[in-house]
């Protein structure tokens, strides 16, 4: 799998994160702090769910259904997908 990804090396800076590793553009250093990587964990799901709950528009669609789906996915062990849904729910709640 990784061998085929290395073939697409030009795409790695666009992706930003690959399997938990931080990928930086050529010439950049980790000290610059331009990119931030968060681990996908149940705790992070909880942080995102709490952040969503504080937003006034979180009860409106599609933020509400995306948030519920994200929480359900996290609880059933699909952490990455759940985090993605929760992030999208936060974005939708902020685009008011």
PDB file of N, CA and C in Angstrom:
ATOM      1  N   UNK A   1       0.815  -1.194   0.000  1.00  0.00           N
ATOM      2  CA  UNK A   1       0.000   0.000   0.000  1.00  0.00           C
ATOM      3  C   UNK A   1       0.862   1.263   0.000  1.00  0.00           C
ATOM      4  N   UNK A   2       1.864   1.310   0.902  1.00  0.00           N
ATOM      5  CA  UNK A   2       2.674   2.512   1.000  1.00  0.00           C
ATOM      6  C   UNK A   2       3.527   2.725  -0.242  1.00  0.00           C
ATOM      7  N   UNK A   3       3.912   1.632  -0.881  1.00  0.00           N
ATOM      8  CA  UNK A   3       4.712   1.760  -2.093  1.00  0.00           C
ATOM      9  C   UNK A   3       3.935   2.509  -3.177  1.00  0.00           C
ATOM     10  N   UNK A   4       2.661   2.191  -3.328  1.00  0.00           N
ATOM     11  CA  UNK A   4       1.852   2.895  -4.327  1.00  0.00           C
ATOM     12  C   UNK A   4       1.637   4.344  -3.919  1.00  0.00           C
ATOM     13  N   UNK A   5       1.570   4.616  -2.612  1.00  0.00           N
ATOM     14  CA  UNK A   5       1.421   5.997  -2.165  1.00  0.00           C
ATOM     15  C   UNK A   5       2.684   6.801  -2.431  1.00  0.00           C
ATOM     16  N   UNK A   6       3.841   6.157  -2.290  1.00  0.00           N
ATOM     17  CA  UNK A   6       5.089   6.858  -2.571  1.00  0.00           C
ATOM     18  C   UNK A   6       5.187   7.221  -4.044  1.00  0.00           C
ATOM     19  N   UNK A   7       4.586   6.393  -4.887  1.00  0.00           N
ATOM     20  CA  UNK A   7       4.553   6.699  -6.315  1.00  0.00           C
ATOM     21  C   UNK A   7       3.833   8.021  -6.558  1.00  0.00           C
ATOM     22  N   UNK A   8       2.879   8.332  -5.725  1.00  0.00           N
ATOM     23  CA  UNK A   8       2.118   9.566  -5.829  1.00  0.00           C
ATOM     24  C   UNK A   8       2.678  10.620  -4.880  1.00  0.00           C
ATOM     25  N   UNK A   9       3.983  10.651  -4.711  1.00  0.00           N
ATOM     26  CA  UNK A   9       4.636  11.543  -3.763  1.00  0.00           C
ATOM     27  C   UNK A   9       4.285  13.007  -3.931  1.00  0.00           C
ATOM     28  N   UNK A  10       3.963  13.428  -5.109  1.00  0.00           N
ATOM     29  CA  UNK A  10       3.592  14.825  -5.327  1.00  0.00           C
ATOM     30  C   UNK A  10       2.303  15.179  -4.612  1.00  0.00           C
ATOM     31  N   UNK A  11       1.494  14.160  -4.281  1.00  0.00           N
ATOM     32  CA  UNK A  11       0.210  14.398  -3.644  1.00  0.00           C
ATOM     33  C   UNK A  11       0.325  14.478  -2.120  1.00  0.00           C
ATOM     34  N   UNK A  12       1.398  13.975  -1.560  1.00  0.00           N
ATOM     35  CA  UNK A  12       1.539  13.929  -0.110  1.00  0.00           C
ATOM     36  C   UNK A  12       1.442  15.294   0.560  1.00  0.00           C
ATOM     37  N   UNK A  13       2.071  16.349   0.051  1.00  0.00           N
ATOM     38  CA  UNK A  13       1.892  17.644   0.717  1.00  0.00           C
ATOM     39  C   UNK A  13       0.449  18.123   0.711  1.00  0.00           C
ATOM     40  N   UNK A  14      -0.305  17.732  -0.288  1.00  0.00           N
ATOM     41  CA  UNK A  14      -1.713  18.121  -0.346  1.00  0.00           C
ATOM     42  C   UNK A  14      -2.504  17.367   0.710  1.00  0.00           C
ATOM     43  N   UNK A  15      -2.211  16.099   0.889  1.00  0.00           N
ATOM     44  CA  UNK A  15      -2.923  15.289   1.863  1.00  0.00           C
ATOM     45  C   UNK A  15      -2.611  15.721   3.291  1.00  0.00           C
ATOM     46  N   UNK A  16      -1.352  16.092   3.534  1.00  0.00           N
ATOM     47  CA  UNK A  16      -0.981  16.579   4.855  1.00  0.00           C
ATOM     48  C   UNK A  16      -0.678  15.492   5.851  1.00  0.00           C
ATOM     49  N   UNK A  17      -1.542  14.518   5.986  1.00  0.00           N
ATOM     50  CA  UNK A  17      -1.344  13.483   6.994  1.00  0.00           C
ATOM     51  C   UNK A  17      -1.537  12.124   6.346  1.00  0.00           C
ATOM     52  N   UNK A  18      -0.640  11.217   6.655  1.00  0.00           N
ATOM     53  CA  UNK A  18      -0.727   9.868   6.093  1.00  0.00           C
ATOM     54  C   UNK A  18      -0.445   8.875   7.202  1.00  0.00           C
ATOM     55  N   UNK A  19      -1.469   8.195   7.642  1.00  0.00           N
ATOM     56  CA  UNK A  19      -1.296   7.158   8.640  1.00  0.00           C
ATOM     57  C   UNK A  19      -0.714   7.638   9.956  1.00  0.00           C
ATOM     58  N   UNK A  20      -1.033   8.845  10.373  1.00  0.00           N
ATOM     59  CA  UNK A  20      -0.544   9.352  11.640  1.00  0.00           C
ATOM     60  C   UNK A  20       0.791  10.057  11.558  1.00  0.00           C
ATOM     61  N   UNK A  21       1.463  10.021  10.417  1.00  0.00           N
ATOM     62  CA  UNK A  21       2.741  10.699  10.253  1.00  0.00           C
ATOM     63  C   UNK A  21       2.497  12.100   9.744  1.00  0.00           C
ATOM     64  N   UNK A  22       3.281  13.045  10.209  1.00  0.00           N
ATOM     65  CA  UNK A  22       3.143  14.399   9.697  1.00  0.00           C
ATOM     66  C   UNK A  22       3.980  14.508   8.428  1.00  0.00           C
ATOM     67  N   UNK A  23       3.398  15.017   7.378  1.00  0.00           N
ATOM     68  CA  UNK A  23       4.073  15.177   6.101  1.00  0.00           C
ATOM     69  C   UNK A  23       4.222  16.663   5.845  1.00  0.00           C
ATOM     70  N   UNK A  24       5.453  17.104   5.648  1.00  0.00           N
ATOM     71  CA  UNK A  24       5.717  18.516   5.430  1.00  0.00           C
ATOM     72  C   UNK A  24       6.183  18.756   4.002  1.00  0.00           C
ATOM     73  N   UNK A  25       5.898  19.917   3.457  1.00  0.00           N
ATOM     74  CA  UNK A  25       6.403  20.240   2.129  1.00  0.00           C
ATOM     75  C   UNK A  25       7.923  20.293   2.142  1.00  0.00           C
ATOM     76  N   UNK A  26       8.532  20.119   0.980  1.00  0.00           N
ATOM     77  CA  UNK A  26       9.989  20.149   0.876  1.00  0.00           C
ATOM     78  C   UNK A  26      10.537  21.451   1.439  1.00  0.00           C
ATOM     79  N   UNK A  27      11.575  21.333   2.255  1.00  0.00           N
ATOM     80  CA  UNK A  27      12.215  22.513   2.827  1.00  0.00           C
ATOM     81  C   UNK A  27      11.584  23.007   4.113  1.00  0.00           C
ATOM     82  N   UNK A  28      10.455  22.472   4.503  1.00  0.00           N
ATOM     83  CA  UNK A  28       9.795  22.915   5.734  1.00  0.00           C
ATOM     84  C   UNK A  28      10.288  22.073   6.900  1.00  0.00           C
ATOM     85  N   UNK A  29      10.264  22.648   8.066  1.00  0.00           N
ATOM     86  CA  UNK A  29      10.653  21.897   9.250  1.00  0.00           C
ATOM     87  C   UNK A  29       9.489  21.837  10.221  1.00  0.00           C
ATOM     88  N   UNK A  30       9.508  20.841  11.069  1.00  0.00           N
ATOM     89  CA  UNK A  30       8.430  20.673  12.049  1.00  0.00           C
ATOM     90  C   UNK A  30       8.430  21.795  13.069  1.00  0.00           C
ATOM     91  N   UNK A  31       9.541  22.473  13.234  1.00  0.00           N
ATOM     92  CA  UNK A  31       9.650  23.555  14.209  1.00  0.00           C
ATOM     93  C   UNK A  31       8.780  24.738  13.803  1.00  0.00           C
ATOM     94  N   UNK A  32       8.580  24.926  12.502  1.00  0.00           N
ATOM     95  CA  UNK A  32       7.787  26.057  12.031  1.00  0.00           C
ATOM     96  C   UNK A  32       6.363  26.006  12.571  1.00  0.00           C
ATOM     97  N   UNK A  33       5.841  24.823  12.850  1.00  0.00           N
ATOM     98  CA  UNK A  33       4.520  24.671  13.437  1.00  0.00           C
ATOM     99  C   UNK A  33       3.373  25.048  12.522  1.00  0.00           C
ATOM    100  N   UNK A  34       3.570  24.946  11.230  1.00  0.00           N
ATOM    101  CA  UNK A  34       2.517  25.332  10.306  1.00  0.00           C
ATOM    102  C   UNK A  34       1.432  24.275  10.207  1.00  0.00           C
ATOM    103  N   UNK A  35       1.755  23.023  10.492  1.00  0.00           N
ATOM    104  CA  UNK A  35       0.786  21.950  10.375  1.00  0.00           C
ATOM    105  C   UNK A  35       0.582  21.322  11.735  1.00  0.00           C
ATOM    106  N   UNK A  36      -0.653  20.993  12.037  1.00  0.00           N
ATOM    107  CA  UNK A  36      -0.970  20.394  13.320  1.00  0.00           C
ATOM    108  C   UNK A  36      -1.675  19.071  13.086  1.00  0.00           C
ATOM    109  N   UNK A  37      -1.214  18.043  13.758  1.00  0.00           N
ATOM    110  CA  UNK A  37      -1.802  16.716  13.599  1.00  0.00           C
ATOM    111  C   UNK A  37      -2.445  16.323  14.920  1.00  0.00           C
ATOM    112  N   UNK A  38      -3.707  15.937  14.864  1.00  0.00           N
ATOM    113  CA  UNK A  38      -4.421  15.461  16.042  1.00  0.00           C
ATOM    114  C   UNK A  38      -4.619  13.960  15.895  1.00  0.00           C
ATOM    115  N   UNK A  39      -4.401  13.213  16.955  1.00  0.00           N
ATOM    116  CA  UNK A  39      -4.660  11.774  16.866  1.00  0.00           C
ATOM    117  C   UNK A  39      -6.157  11.509  16.798  1.00  0.00           C
ATOM    118  N   UNK A  40      -6.517  10.518  16.033  1.00  0.00           N
ATOM    119  CA  UNK A  40      -7.914  10.114  15.969  1.00  0.00           C
ATOM    120  C   UNK A  40      -8.175   9.174  17.141  1.00  0.00           C
ATOM    121  N   UNK A  41      -8.901   9.647  18.126  1.00  0.00           N
ATOM    122  CA  UNK A  41      -9.171   8.845  19.318  1.00  0.00           C
ATOM    123  C   UNK A  41     -10.581   9.142  19.816  1.00  0.00           C
ATOM    124  N   UNK A  42     -11.055   8.307  20.695  1.00  0.00           N
ATOM    125  CA  UNK A  42     -12.376   8.529  21.283  1.00  0.00           C
ATOM    126  C   UNK A  42     -12.395   9.839  22.070  1.00  0.00           C
ATOM    127  N   UNK A  43     -11.276  10.175  22.693  1.00  0.00           N
ATOM    128  CA  UNK A  43     -11.204  11.423  23.446  1.00  0.00           C
ATOM    129  C   UNK A  43     -11.374  12.624  22.519  1.00  0.00           C
ATOM    130  N   UNK A  44     -10.750  12.558  21.356  1.00  0.00           N
ATOM    131  CA  UNK A  44     -10.872  13.654  20.394  1.00  0.00           C
ATOM    132  C   UNK A  44     -12.309  13.744  19.878  1.00  0.00           C
ATOM    133  N   UNK A  45     -12.964  12.604  19.703  1.00  0.00           N
ATOM    134  CA  UNK A  45     -14.387  12.613  19.329  1.00  0.00           C
ATOM    135  C   UNK A  45     -15.181  13.373  20.380  1.00  0.00           C
ATOM    136  N   UNK A  46     -14.885  13.110  21.641  1.00  0.00           N
ATOM    137  CA  UNK A  46     -15.573  13.806  22.725  1.00  0.00           C
ATOM    138  C   UNK A  46     -15.322  15.298  22.708  1.00  0.00           C
ATOM    139  N   UNK A  47     -14.067  15.694  22.431  1.00  0.00           N
ATOM    140  CA  UNK A  47     -13.744  17.122  22.333  1.00  0.00           C
ATOM    141  C   UNK A  47     -14.553  17.788  21.224  1.00  0.00           C
ATOM    142  N   UNK A  48     -14.617  17.125  20.078  1.00  0.00           N
ATOM    143  CA  UNK A  48     -15.367  17.685  18.954  1.00  0.00           C
ATOM    144  C   UNK A  48     -16.858  17.750  19.260  1.00  0.00           C
ATOM    145  N   UNK A  49     -17.390  16.711  19.890  1.00  0.00           N
ATOM    146  CA  UNK A  49     -18.812  16.701  20.238  1.00  0.00           C
ATOM    147  C   UNK A  49     -19.125  17.826  21.223  1.00  0.00           C
ATOM    148  N   UNK A  50     -18.241  18.049  22.191  1.00  0.00           N
ATOM    149  CA  UNK A  50     -18.432  19.151  23.143  1.00  0.00           C
ATOM    150  C   UNK A  50     -18.359  20.502  22.451  1.00  0.00           C
ATOM    151  N   UNK A  51     -17.420  20.637  21.513  1.00  0.00           N
ATOM    152  CA  UNK A  51     -17.301  21.895  20.775  1.00  0.00           C
ATOM    153  C   UNK A  51     -18.567  22.155  19.953  1.00  0.00           C
ATOM    154  N   UNK A  52     -19.084  21.108  19.327  1.00  0.00           N
ATOM    155  CA  UNK A  52     -20.314  21.237  18.538  1.00  0.00           C
ATOM    156  C   UNK A  52     -21.484  21.639  19.436  1.00  0.00           C
ATOM    157  N   UNK A  53     -21.555  21.048  20.612  1.00  0.00           N
ATOM    158  CA  UNK A  53     -22.671  21.314  21.523  1.00  0.00           C
ATOM    159  C   UNK A  53     -22.718  22.773  21.978  1.00  0.00           C
ATOM    160  N   UNK A  54     -21.590  23.458  21.957  1.00  0.00           N
ATOM    161  CA  UNK A  54     -21.565  24.863  22.394  1.00  0.00           C
ATOM    162  C   UNK A  54     -22.014  25.832  21.309  1.00  0.00           C
ATOM    163  N   UNK A  55     -22.135  25.369  20.077  1.00  0.00           N
ATOM    164  CA  UNK A  55     -22.507  26.250  18.977  1.00  0.00           C
ATOM    165  C   UNK A  55     -24.025  26.401  18.905  1.00  0.00           C
ATOM    166  N   UNK A  56     -24.516  27.633  18.792  1.00  0.00           N
ATOM    167  CA  UNK A  56     -25.965  27.856  18.749  1.00  0.00           C
ATOM    168  C   UNK A  56     -26.660  27.159  17.576  1.00  0.00           C
ATOM    169  N   UNK A  57     -25.993  27.049  16.440  1.00  0.00           N
ATOM    170  CA  UNK A  57     -26.619  26.454  15.256  1.00  0.00           C
ATOM    171  C   UNK A  57     -26.472  24.935  15.212  1.00  0.00           C
ATOM    172  N   UNK A  58     -25.984  24.336  16.287  1.00  0.00           N
ATOM    173  CA  UNK A  58     -25.775  22.883  16.297  1.00  0.00           C
ATOM    174  C   UNK A  58     -27.078  22.103  16.239  1.00  0.00           C
ATOM    175  N   UNK A  59     -28.194  22.735  16.585  1.00  0.00           N
ATOM    176  CA  UNK A  59     -29.476  22.023  16.567  1.00  0.00           C
ATOM    177  C   UNK A  59     -30.155  22.075  15.206  1.00  0.00           C
ATOM    178  N   UNK A  60     -29.593  22.847  14.296  1.00  0.00           N
ATOM    179  CA  UNK A  60     -30.171  22.945  12.948  1.00  0.00           C
ATOM    180  C   UNK A  60     -29.560  21.905  12.025  1.00  0.00           C
ATOM    181  N   UNK A  61     -30.323  21.575  10.991  1.00  0.00           N
ATOM    182  CA  UNK A  61     -29.811  20.651   9.973  1.00  0.00           C
ATOM    183  C   UNK A  61     -28.913  21.399   9.006  1.00  0.00           C
ATOM    184  N   UNK A  62     -27.880  20.800   8.469  1.00  0.00           N
ATOM    185  CA  UNK A  62     -27.455  19.415   8.608  1.00  0.00           C
ATOM    186  C   UNK A  62     -26.505  19.174   9.787  1.00  0.00           C
ATOM    187  N   UNK A  63     -26.146  20.217  10.545  1.00  0.00           N
ATOM    188  CA  UNK A  63     -25.192  20.057  11.637  1.00  0.00           C
ATOM    189  C   UNK A  63     -25.670  19.031  12.660  1.00  0.00           C
ATOM    190  N   UNK A  64     -26.956  19.057  12.982  1.00  0.00           N
ATOM    191  CA  UNK A  64     -27.495  18.149  13.999  1.00  0.00           C
ATOM    192  C   UNK A  64     -27.336  16.688  13.588  1.00  0.00           C
ATOM    193  N   UNK A  65     -27.788  16.346  12.394  1.00  0.00           N
ATOM    194  CA  UNK A  65     -27.714  14.944  11.961  1.00  0.00           C
ATOM    195  C   UNK A  65     -26.267  14.494  11.740  1.00  0.00           C
ATOM    196  N   UNK A  66     -25.417  15.397  11.236  1.00  0.00           N
ATOM    197  CA  UNK A  66     -24.003  15.045  11.069  1.00  0.00           C
ATOM    198  C   UNK A  66     -23.349  14.785  12.423  1.00  0.00           C
ATOM    199  N   UNK A  67     -23.679  15.600  13.405  1.00  0.00           N
ATOM    200  CA  UNK A  67     -23.122  15.415  14.741  1.00  0.00           C
ATOM    201  C   UNK A  67     -23.555  14.092  15.366  1.00  0.00           C
ATOM    202  N   UNK A  68     -24.838  13.774  15.250  1.00  0.00           N
ATOM    203  CA  UNK A  68     -25.327  12.499  15.784  1.00  0.00           C
ATOM    204  C   UNK A  68     -24.661  11.311  15.095  1.00  0.00           C
ATOM    205  N   UNK A  69     -24.533  11.404  13.780  1.00  0.00           N
ATOM    206  CA  UNK A  69     -23.883  10.332  13.023  1.00  0.00           C
ATOM    207  C   UNK A  69     -22.420  10.200  13.435  1.00  0.00           C
ATOM    208  N   UNK A  70     -21.732  11.320  13.610  1.00  0.00           N
ATOM    209  CA  UNK A  70     -20.335  11.284  14.039  1.00  0.00           C
ATOM    210  C   UNK A  70     -20.160  10.635  15.395  1.00  0.00           C
ATOM    211  N   UNK A  71     -21.028  10.980  16.335  1.00  0.00           N
ATOM    212  CA  UNK A  71     -20.963  10.375  17.668  1.00  0.00           C
ATOM    213  C   UNK A  71     -21.235   8.877  17.592  1.00  0.00           C
ATOM    214  N   UNK A  72     -22.243   8.489  16.805  1.00  0.00           N
ATOM    215  CA  UNK A  72     -22.568   7.068  16.658  1.00  0.00           C
ATOM    216  C   UNK A  72     -21.386   6.292  16.071  1.00  0.00           C
ATOM    217  N   UNK A  73     -20.741   6.874  15.048  1.00  0.00           N
ATOM    218  CA  UNK A  73     -19.591   6.213  14.429  1.00  0.00           C
ATOM    219  C   UNK A  73     -18.432   6.073  15.412  1.00  0.00           C
ATOM    220  N   UNK A  74     -18.164   7.123  16.176  1.00  0.00           N
ATOM    221  CA  UNK A  74     -17.084   7.058  17.165  1.00  0.00           C
ATOM    222  C   UNK A  74     -17.359   5.986  18.207  1.00  0.00           C
ATOM    223  N   UNK A  75     -18.585   5.936  18.679  1.00  0.00           N
ATOM    224  CA  UNK A  75     -18.949   4.954  19.705  1.00  0.00           C
ATOM    225  C   UNK A  75     -18.876   3.516  19.191  1.00  0.00           C
ATOM    226  N   UNK A  76     -19.083   3.334  17.897  1.00  0.00           N
ATOM    227  CA  UNK A  76     -19.024   1.986  17.336  1.00  0.00           C
ATOM    228  C   UNK A  76     -17.632   1.626  16.825  1.00  0.00           C
ATOM    229  N   UNK A  77     -16.638   2.493  17.106  1.00  0.00           N
ATOM    230  CA  UNK A  77     -15.254   2.166  16.758  1.00  0.00           C
ATOM    231  C   UNK A  77     -14.759   2.713  15.435  1.00  0.00           C
ATOM    232  N   UNK A  78     -15.588   3.422  14.714  1.00  0.00           N
ATOM    233  CA  UNK A  78     -15.176   4.018  13.435  1.00  0.00           C
ATOM    234  C   UNK A  78     -14.729   5.462  13.706  1.00  0.00           C
ATOM    235  N   UNK A  79     -13.582   5.568  14.357  1.00  0.00           N
ATOM    236  CA  UNK A  79     -13.117   6.853  14.879  1.00  0.00           C
ATOM    237  C   UNK A  79     -12.854   7.863  13.767  1.00  0.00           C
ATOM    238  N   UNK A  80     -12.085   7.478  12.772  1.00  0.00           N
ATOM    239  CA  UNK A  80     -11.739   8.439  11.705  1.00  0.00           C
ATOM    240  C   UNK A  80     -12.968   8.987  10.997  1.00  0.00           C
ATOM    241  N   UNK A  81     -13.887   8.114  10.666  1.00  0.00           N
ATOM    242  CA  UNK A  81     -15.098   8.555   9.982  1.00  0.00           C
ATOM    243  C   UNK A  81     -15.943   9.417  10.908  1.00  0.00           C
ATOM    244  N   UNK A  82     -16.003   9.035  12.174  1.00  0.00           N
ATOM    245  CA  UNK A  82     -16.747   9.824  13.150  1.00  0.00           C
ATOM    246  C   UNK A  82     -16.167  11.211  13.329  1.00  0.00           C
ATOM    247  N   UNK A  83     -14.838  11.297  13.399  1.00  0.00           N
ATOM    248  CA  UNK A  83     -14.165  12.595  13.517  1.00  0.00           C
ATOM    249  C   UNK A  83     -14.469  13.458  12.296  1.00  0.00           C
ATOM    250  N   UNK A  84     -14.442  12.844  11.124  1.00  0.00           N
ATOM    251  CA  UNK A  84     -14.746  13.582   9.895  1.00  0.00           C
ATOM    252  C   UNK A  84     -16.160  14.143   9.928  1.00  0.00           C
ATOM    253  N   UNK A  85     -17.120  13.336  10.346  1.00  0.00           N
ATOM    254  CA  UNK A  85     -18.513  13.806  10.427  1.00  0.00           C
ATOM    255  C   UNK A  85     -18.657  14.923  11.454  1.00  0.00           C
ATOM    256  N   UNK A  86     -18.001  14.780  12.600  1.00  0.00           N
ATOM    257  CA  UNK A  86     -18.087  15.810  13.637  1.00  0.00           C
ATOM    258  C   UNK A  86     -17.458  17.123  13.164  1.00  0.00           C
ATOM    259  N   UNK A  87     -16.323  17.026  12.482  1.00  0.00           N
ATOM    260  CA  UNK A  87     -15.699  18.246  11.945  1.00  0.00           C
ATOM    261  C   UNK A  87     -16.620  18.926  10.934  1.00  0.00           C
ATOM    262  N   UNK A  88     -17.243  18.115  10.098  1.00  0.00           N
ATOM    263  CA  UNK A  88     -18.167  18.680   9.102  1.00  0.00           C
ATOM    264  C   UNK A  88     -19.381  19.308   9.785  1.00  0.00           C
ATOM    265  N   UNK A  89     -19.857  18.683  10.854  1.00  0.00           N
ATOM    266  CA  UNK A  89     -20.989  19.237  11.608  1.00  0.00           C
ATOM    267  C   UNK A  89     -20.609  20.578  12.217  1.00  0.00           C
ATOM    268  N   UNK A  90     -19.415  20.689  12.751  1.00  0.00           N
ATOM    269  CA  UNK A  90     -18.948  21.958  13.316  1.00  0.00           C
ATOM    270  C   UNK A  90     -18.880  23.015  12.233  1.00  0.00           C
ATOM    271  N   UNK A  91     -18.354  22.627  11.093  1.00  0.00           N
ATOM    272  CA  UNK A  91     -18.272  23.587   9.976  1.00  0.00           C
ATOM    273  C   UNK A  91     -19.659  24.066   9.566  1.00  0.00           C
ATOM    274  N   UNK A  92     -20.596  23.138   9.449  1.00  0.00           N
ATOM    275  CA  UNK A  92     -21.963  23.510   9.044  1.00  0.00           C
ATOM    276  C   UNK A  92     -22.622  24.407  10.096  1.00  0.00           C
ATOM    277  N   UNK A  93     -22.340  24.165  11.360  1.00  0.00           N
ATOM    278  CA  UNK A  93     -22.916  24.973  12.423  1.00  0.00           C
ATOM    279  C   UNK A  93     -22.317  26.383  12.452  1.00  0.00           C
ATOM    280  N   UNK A  94     -21.105  26.514  11.953  1.00  0.00           N
ATOM    281  CA  UNK A  94     -20.440  27.820  11.935  1.00  0.00           C
ATOM    282  C   UNK A  94     -20.787  28.636  10.704  1.00  0.00           C
ATOM    283  N   UNK A  95     -21.260  27.997   9.644  1.00  0.00           N
ATOM    284  CA  UNK A  95     -21.560  28.667   8.378  1.00  0.00           C
ATOM    285  C   UNK A  95     -22.948  29.285   8.445  1.00  0.00           C
ATOM    286  N   UNK A  96     -23.272  29.950   9.423  1.00  0.00           N
ATOM    287  CA  UNK A  96     -24.614  30.486   9.562  1.00  0.00           C
ATOM    288  C   UNK A  96     -24.754  31.863   9.049  1.00  0.00           C
TER     289      UNK A  96
END
